[in-house]
Amino acid sequence: MSNVVIDCTDLDVMIAFWGGLLGMKVTERQDDWVDLEALGTDGPLLGFHLVPESKSGKNRVHLDIEVPDVRAAGERARELGATPHGEPMGENPARPFQVWLDPQGNEFCFVTA
């Protein structure tokens, strides 16, 4: 796999959010496409594709981001423009996860490392 791609209506918003959240820089930019650095050491690039329509419905694929503290990660995401999609949850209270929405409404999860 070479890329994980998220459709969006504003590349700059997505670069600012995801680049800021994950500490990743742009590696390639075109008029309708942006790639950030690879996810993990040998992972796929995180890409964004400019599309004319807004997101509708639930994502069929989403990113799970492992963090040491779900609440602290959520506050950072909120500062960058994300909104929570429910409260932290999970069967094990010591290892919660929480669903969030990026600035364009795409779901992603913070999971306890």
N, C-alpha and C. Protein backbone atom coordinates (compact mmCIF):
# COMPACT_ATOMS: atom_id res chain seq x y z
N MET A 1 0.85 -1.16 0.00
CA MET A 1 0.00 0.00 0.00
C MET A 1 0.90 1.23 0.00
N SER A 2 0.58 2.18 -0.85
CA SER A 2 1.42 3.38 -0.94
C SER A 2 0.80 4.60 -0.27
N ASN A 3 -0.53 4.71 -0.27
CA ASN A 3 -1.20 5.88 0.28
C ASN A 3 -2.49 5.50 1.01
N VAL A 4 -2.82 6.29 2.02
CA VAL A 4 -4.16 6.34 2.60
C VAL A 4 -4.64 7.73 2.23
N VAL A 5 -5.77 7.82 1.52
CA VAL A 5 -6.22 9.09 0.95
C VAL A 5 -7.57 9.49 1.56
N ILE A 6 -7.67 10.75 1.93
CA ILE A 6 -8.91 11.31 2.46
C ILE A 6 -9.40 12.36 1.48
N ASP A 7 -10.63 12.22 1.00
CA ASP A 7 -11.24 13.24 0.14
C ASP A 7 -11.57 14.46 0.99
N CYS A 8 -11.48 15.65 0.37
CA CYS A 8 -11.77 16.88 1.11
C CYS A 8 -12.15 18.00 0.14
N THR A 9 -12.73 19.05 0.68
CA THR A 9 -13.09 20.21 -0.14
C THR A 9 -12.12 21.38 0.07
N ASP A 10 -11.16 21.24 1.01
CA ASP A 10 -10.19 22.30 1.27
C ASP A 10 -8.86 21.67 1.69
N LEU A 11 -7.91 21.65 0.78
CA LEU A 11 -6.62 21.03 1.06
C LEU A 11 -5.88 21.74 2.19
N ASP A 12 -5.92 23.07 2.22
CA ASP A 12 -5.18 23.81 3.24
C ASP A 12 -5.69 23.52 4.65
N VAL A 13 -7.00 23.39 4.80
CA VAL A 13 -7.57 23.05 6.11
C VAL A 13 -7.07 21.68 6.55
N MET A 14 -7.05 20.73 5.63
CA MET A 14 -6.63 19.37 5.98
C MET A 14 -5.13 19.31 6.28
N ILE A 15 -4.33 20.04 5.52
CA ILE A 15 -2.89 20.08 5.79
C ILE A 15 -2.64 20.65 7.19
N ALA A 16 -3.30 21.77 7.50
CA ALA A 16 -3.11 22.40 8.80
C ALA A 16 -3.53 21.46 9.93
N PHE A 17 -4.68 20.81 9.78
CA PHE A 17 -5.18 19.94 10.84
C PHE A 17 -4.31 18.69 10.98
N TRP A 18 -4.26 17.87 9.93
CA TRP A 18 -3.58 16.59 10.04
C TRP A 18 -2.07 16.75 10.18
N GLY A 19 -1.49 17.71 9.48
CA GLY A 19 -0.07 17.97 9.65
C GLY A 19 0.25 18.39 11.08
N GLY A 20 -0.60 19.27 11.63
CA GLY A 20 -0.41 19.72 13.01
C GLY A 20 -0.65 18.62 14.02
N LEU A 21 -1.69 17.83 13.82
CA LEU A 21 -2.04 16.77 14.76
C LEU A 21 -0.96 15.69 14.80
N LEU A 22 -0.47 15.30 13.64
CA LEU A 22 0.48 14.19 13.56
C LEU A 22 1.93 14.64 13.44
N GLY A 23 2.15 15.96 13.36
CA GLY A 23 3.52 16.46 13.23
C GLY A 23 4.16 16.07 11.91
N MET A 24 3.38 16.10 10.84
CA MET A 24 3.86 15.65 9.53
C MET A 24 3.90 16.81 8.55
N LYS A 25 4.90 16.79 7.68
CA LYS A 25 5.08 17.83 6.68
C LYS A 25 4.58 17.37 5.31
N VAL A 26 4.29 18.34 4.44
CA VAL A 26 3.90 18.06 3.06
C VAL A 26 5.11 17.54 2.31
N THR A 27 4.92 16.44 1.56
CA THR A 27 6.00 15.90 0.72
C THR A 27 5.75 16.17 -0.75
N GLU A 28 4.47 16.36 -1.13
CA GLU A 28 4.13 16.67 -2.53
C GLU A 28 2.82 17.43 -2.54
N ARG A 29 2.74 18.41 -3.45
CA ARG A 29 1.49 19.17 -3.58
C ARG A 29 1.22 19.43 -5.05
N GLN A 30 -0.03 19.19 -5.44
CA GLN A 30 -0.53 19.53 -6.76
C GLN A 30 -1.81 20.33 -6.56
N ASP A 31 -2.45 20.77 -7.63
CA ASP A 31 -3.66 21.57 -7.50
C ASP A 31 -4.77 20.83 -6.76
N ASP A 32 -4.88 19.53 -6.97
CA ASP A 32 -5.98 18.77 -6.38
C ASP A 32 -5.51 17.63 -5.48
N TRP A 33 -4.26 17.67 -5.04
CA TRP A 33 -3.71 16.55 -4.28
C TRP A 33 -2.59 17.04 -3.38
N VAL A 34 -2.53 16.49 -2.16
CA VAL A 34 -1.41 16.75 -1.24
C VAL A 34 -1.05 15.44 -0.56
N ASP A 35 0.24 15.18 -0.46
CA ASP A 35 0.74 14.06 0.34
C ASP A 35 1.50 14.61 1.53
N LEU A 36 1.21 14.04 2.70
CA LEU A 36 2.03 14.28 3.88
C LEU A 36 3.01 13.13 4.01
N GLU A 37 3.85 13.21 4.99
CA GLU A 37 4.84 12.16 5.22
C GLU A 37 4.17 10.81 5.48
N ALA A 38 4.97 9.77 5.52
CA ALA A 38 4.47 8.42 5.75
C ALA A 38 3.91 8.26 7.15
N LEU A 39 2.89 7.42 7.27
CA LEU A 39 2.34 7.05 8.57
C LEU A 39 3.24 5.98 9.17
N GLY A 40 3.94 6.30 10.23
CA GLY A 40 4.87 5.35 10.83
C GLY A 40 6.16 5.26 10.04
N THR A 41 7.02 4.39 10.47
CA THR A 41 8.35 4.26 9.87
C THR A 41 8.30 3.84 8.41
N ASP A 42 7.55 2.80 8.11
CA ASP A 42 7.47 2.28 6.75
C ASP A 42 6.05 2.28 6.21
N GLY A 43 5.19 3.11 6.79
CA GLY A 43 3.79 3.10 6.41
C GLY A 43 3.50 3.86 5.14
N PRO A 44 2.24 3.86 4.73
CA PRO A 44 1.83 4.59 3.53
C PRO A 44 1.82 6.10 3.79
N LEU A 45 1.87 6.86 2.71
CA LEU A 45 1.72 8.31 2.82
C LEU A 45 0.28 8.63 3.17
N LEU A 46 0.08 9.74 3.87
CA LEU A 46 -1.26 10.23 4.14
C LEU A 46 -1.54 11.30 3.10
N GLY A 47 -2.52 11.04 2.24
CA GLY A 47 -2.83 11.95 1.13
C GLY A 47 -4.22 12.54 1.26
N PHE A 48 -4.39 13.69 0.59
CA PHE A 48 -5.67 14.37 0.56
C PHE A 48 -6.00 14.72 -0.88
N HIS A 49 -7.22 14.37 -1.30
CA HIS A 49 -7.66 14.58 -2.67
C HIS A 49 -8.79 15.59 -2.65
N LEU A 50 -8.65 16.65 -3.44
CA LEU A 50 -9.67 17.69 -3.52
C LEU A 50 -10.84 17.19 -4.36
N VAL A 51 -12.04 17.25 -3.78
CA VAL A 51 -13.26 16.84 -4.46
C VAL A 51 -14.29 17.95 -4.33
N PRO A 52 -15.28 18.03 -5.23
CA PRO A 52 -16.24 19.14 -5.18
C PRO A 52 -17.32 18.98 -4.11
N GLU A 53 -17.63 17.75 -3.72
CA GLU A 53 -18.74 17.53 -2.80
C GLU A 53 -18.25 17.39 -1.36
N SER A 54 -19.09 17.83 -0.42
CA SER A 54 -18.80 17.66 1.01
C SER A 54 -19.05 16.22 1.42
N LYS A 55 -18.48 15.83 2.53
CA LYS A 55 -18.69 14.48 3.07
C LYS A 55 -20.15 14.30 3.44
N SER A 56 -20.67 13.13 3.16
CA SER A 56 -22.03 12.79 3.60
C SER A 56 -22.00 11.35 4.11
N GLY A 57 -22.58 11.12 5.25
CA GLY A 57 -22.61 9.77 5.81
C GLY A 57 -21.35 9.44 6.60
N LYS A 58 -21.36 8.24 7.14
CA LYS A 58 -20.26 7.76 7.96
C LYS A 58 -19.11 7.26 7.09
N ASN A 59 -17.88 7.50 7.57
CA ASN A 59 -16.70 6.95 6.89
C ASN A 59 -16.79 5.43 6.86
N ARG A 60 -16.32 4.83 5.78
CA ARG A 60 -16.23 3.38 5.72
C ARG A 60 -14.85 2.91 6.18
N VAL A 61 -13.89 3.82 6.21
CA VAL A 61 -12.54 3.56 6.70
C VAL A 61 -12.15 4.76 7.56
N HIS A 62 -11.46 4.52 8.66
CA HIS A 62 -11.00 5.65 9.47
C HIS A 62 -9.64 5.31 10.07
N LEU A 63 -8.95 6.32 10.57
CA LEU A 63 -7.66 6.14 11.21
C LEU A 63 -7.85 5.95 12.71
N ASP A 64 -7.14 5.00 13.30
CA ASP A 64 -7.02 4.87 14.75
C ASP A 64 -5.62 5.38 15.11
N ILE A 65 -5.57 6.33 16.01
CA ILE A 65 -4.30 6.95 16.39
C ILE A 65 -4.02 6.57 17.84
N GLU A 66 -2.95 5.83 18.06
CA GLU A 66 -2.57 5.40 19.40
C GLU A 66 -1.93 6.56 20.15
N VAL A 67 -2.45 6.83 21.35
CA VAL A 67 -1.95 7.92 22.19
C VAL A 67 -1.86 7.43 23.63
N PRO A 68 -1.00 8.04 24.44
CA PRO A 68 -0.93 7.64 25.84
C PRO A 68 -2.12 8.13 26.66
N ASP A 69 -2.74 9.23 26.24
CA ASP A 69 -3.84 9.83 27.00
C ASP A 69 -4.89 10.34 26.02
N VAL A 70 -6.03 9.66 25.96
CA VAL A 70 -7.10 10.00 25.02
C VAL A 70 -7.61 11.42 25.25
N ARG A 71 -7.77 11.82 26.49
CA ARG A 71 -8.30 13.16 26.78
C ARG A 71 -7.32 14.25 26.37
N ALA A 72 -6.05 14.09 26.67
CA ALA A 72 -5.05 15.09 26.29
C ALA A 72 -4.94 15.19 24.76
N ALA A 73 -4.96 14.06 24.08
CA ALA A 73 -4.92 14.07 22.62
C ALA A 73 -6.15 14.77 22.06
N GLY A 74 -7.29 14.54 22.68
CA GLY A 74 -8.52 15.19 22.24
C GLY A 74 -8.46 16.70 22.39
N GLU A 75 -7.87 17.18 23.46
CA GLU A 75 -7.76 18.64 23.64
C GLU A 75 -6.87 19.24 22.55
N ARG A 76 -5.79 18.57 22.21
CA ARG A 76 -4.92 19.04 21.12
C ARG A 76 -5.69 19.05 19.81
N ALA A 77 -6.44 18.00 19.54
CA ALA A 77 -7.24 17.92 18.31
C ALA A 77 -8.28 19.04 18.27
N ARG A 78 -8.91 19.31 19.41
CA ARG A 78 -9.90 20.39 19.48
C ARG A 78 -9.27 21.74 19.15
N GLU A 79 -8.06 21.98 19.67
CA GLU A 79 -7.34 23.23 19.37
C GLU A 79 -7.09 23.39 17.87
N LEU A 80 -6.92 22.27 17.17
CA LEU A 80 -6.65 22.30 15.74
C LEU A 80 -7.93 22.30 14.89
N GLY A 81 -9.09 22.19 15.52
CA GLY A 81 -10.35 22.28 14.78
C GLY A 81 -11.21 21.03 14.76
N ALA A 82 -10.83 19.98 15.49
CA ALA A 82 -11.64 18.76 15.55
C ALA A 82 -12.77 18.92 16.57
N THR A 83 -13.79 18.07 16.44
CA THR A 83 -14.87 18.04 17.40
C THR A 83 -15.08 16.60 17.87
N PRO A 84 -15.38 16.42 19.15
CA PRO A 84 -15.62 15.05 19.64
C PRO A 84 -16.93 14.51 19.08
N HIS A 85 -16.96 13.22 18.87
CA HIS A 85 -18.18 12.54 18.39
C HIS A 85 -18.55 11.51 19.46
N GLY A 86 -18.93 12.02 20.63
CA GLY A 86 -19.23 11.17 21.77
C GLY A 86 -18.13 11.24 22.80
N GLU A 87 -18.38 10.58 23.90
CA GLU A 87 -17.45 10.54 25.04
C GLU A 87 -16.47 9.39 24.89
N PRO A 88 -15.34 9.44 25.64
CA PRO A 88 -14.45 8.27 25.66
C PRO A 88 -15.24 7.03 26.08
N MET A 89 -14.91 5.89 25.49
CA MET A 89 -15.63 4.65 25.77
C MET A 89 -14.69 3.47 25.65
N GLY A 90 -15.24 2.30 25.92
CA GLY A 90 -14.47 1.06 25.80
C GLY A 90 -14.79 0.14 26.94
N GLU A 91 -14.57 -1.14 26.73
CA GLU A 91 -14.86 -2.14 27.75
C GLU A 91 -13.89 -2.06 28.92
N ASN A 92 -12.66 -1.63 28.66
CA ASN A 92 -11.66 -1.51 29.72
C ASN A 92 -11.47 -0.03 30.03
N PRO A 93 -11.93 0.45 31.19
CA PRO A 93 -11.83 1.88 31.52
C PRO A 93 -10.39 2.39 31.54
N ALA A 94 -9.42 1.50 31.73
CA ALA A 94 -8.02 1.92 31.73
C ALA A 94 -7.48 2.12 30.32
N ARG A 95 -8.22 1.65 29.30
CA ARG A 95 -7.77 1.77 27.90
C ARG A 95 -8.92 2.28 27.03
N PRO A 96 -9.36 3.52 27.28
CA PRO A 96 -10.49 4.04 26.52
C PRO A 96 -10.11 4.40 25.08
N PHE A 97 -11.13 4.59 24.26
CA PHE A 97 -10.95 5.18 22.94
C PHE A 97 -12.04 6.23 22.77
N GLN A 98 -11.81 7.15 21.81
CA GLN A 98 -12.80 8.19 21.56
C GLN A 98 -12.82 8.53 20.08
N VAL A 99 -14.03 8.68 19.56
CA VAL A 99 -14.23 9.05 18.16
C VAL A 99 -14.25 10.58 18.06
N TRP A 100 -13.55 11.09 17.06
CA TRP A 100 -13.49 12.53 16.78
C TRP A 100 -13.81 12.77 15.31
N LEU A 101 -14.13 14.01 14.98
CA LEU A 101 -14.36 14.45 13.60
C LEU A 101 -13.34 15.51 13.26
N ASP A 102 -12.64 15.33 12.12
CA ASP A 102 -11.70 16.36 11.68
C ASP A 102 -12.50 17.58 11.18
N PRO A 103 -11.85 18.68 10.80
CA PRO A 103 -12.58 19.88 10.39
C PRO A 103 -13.52 19.69 9.20
N GLN A 104 -13.37 18.61 8.44
CA GLN A 104 -14.26 18.34 7.31
C GLN A 104 -15.26 17.23 7.63
N GLY A 105 -15.31 16.79 8.89
CA GLY A 105 -16.30 15.81 9.31
C GLY A 105 -15.89 14.36 9.18
N ASN A 106 -14.62 14.08 8.87
CA ASN A 106 -14.14 12.70 8.76
C ASN A 106 -13.86 12.13 10.14
N GLU A 107 -14.40 10.93 10.42
CA GLU A 107 -14.18 10.29 11.70
C GLU A 107 -12.75 9.75 11.81
N PHE A 108 -12.23 9.82 13.04
CA PHE A 108 -10.98 9.15 13.40
C PHE A 108 -11.08 8.87 14.90
N CYS A 109 -10.25 7.97 15.38
CA CYS A 109 -10.29 7.58 16.80
C CYS A 109 -8.94 7.78 17.46
N PHE A 110 -9.00 8.24 18.69
CA PHE A 110 -7.84 8.16 19.59
C PHE A 110 -8.03 6.90 20.39
N VAL A 111 -7.00 6.06 20.43
CA VAL A 111 -7.04 4.83 21.21
C VAL A 111 -5.87 4.85 22.18
N THR A 112 -6.09 4.29 23.36
CA THR A 112 -5.05 4.29 24.38
C THR A 112 -3.94 3.32 24.00
N ALA A 113 -2.72 3.82 24.07
CA ALA A 113 -1.55 3.00 23.73
C ALA A 113 -1.29 1.95 24.78
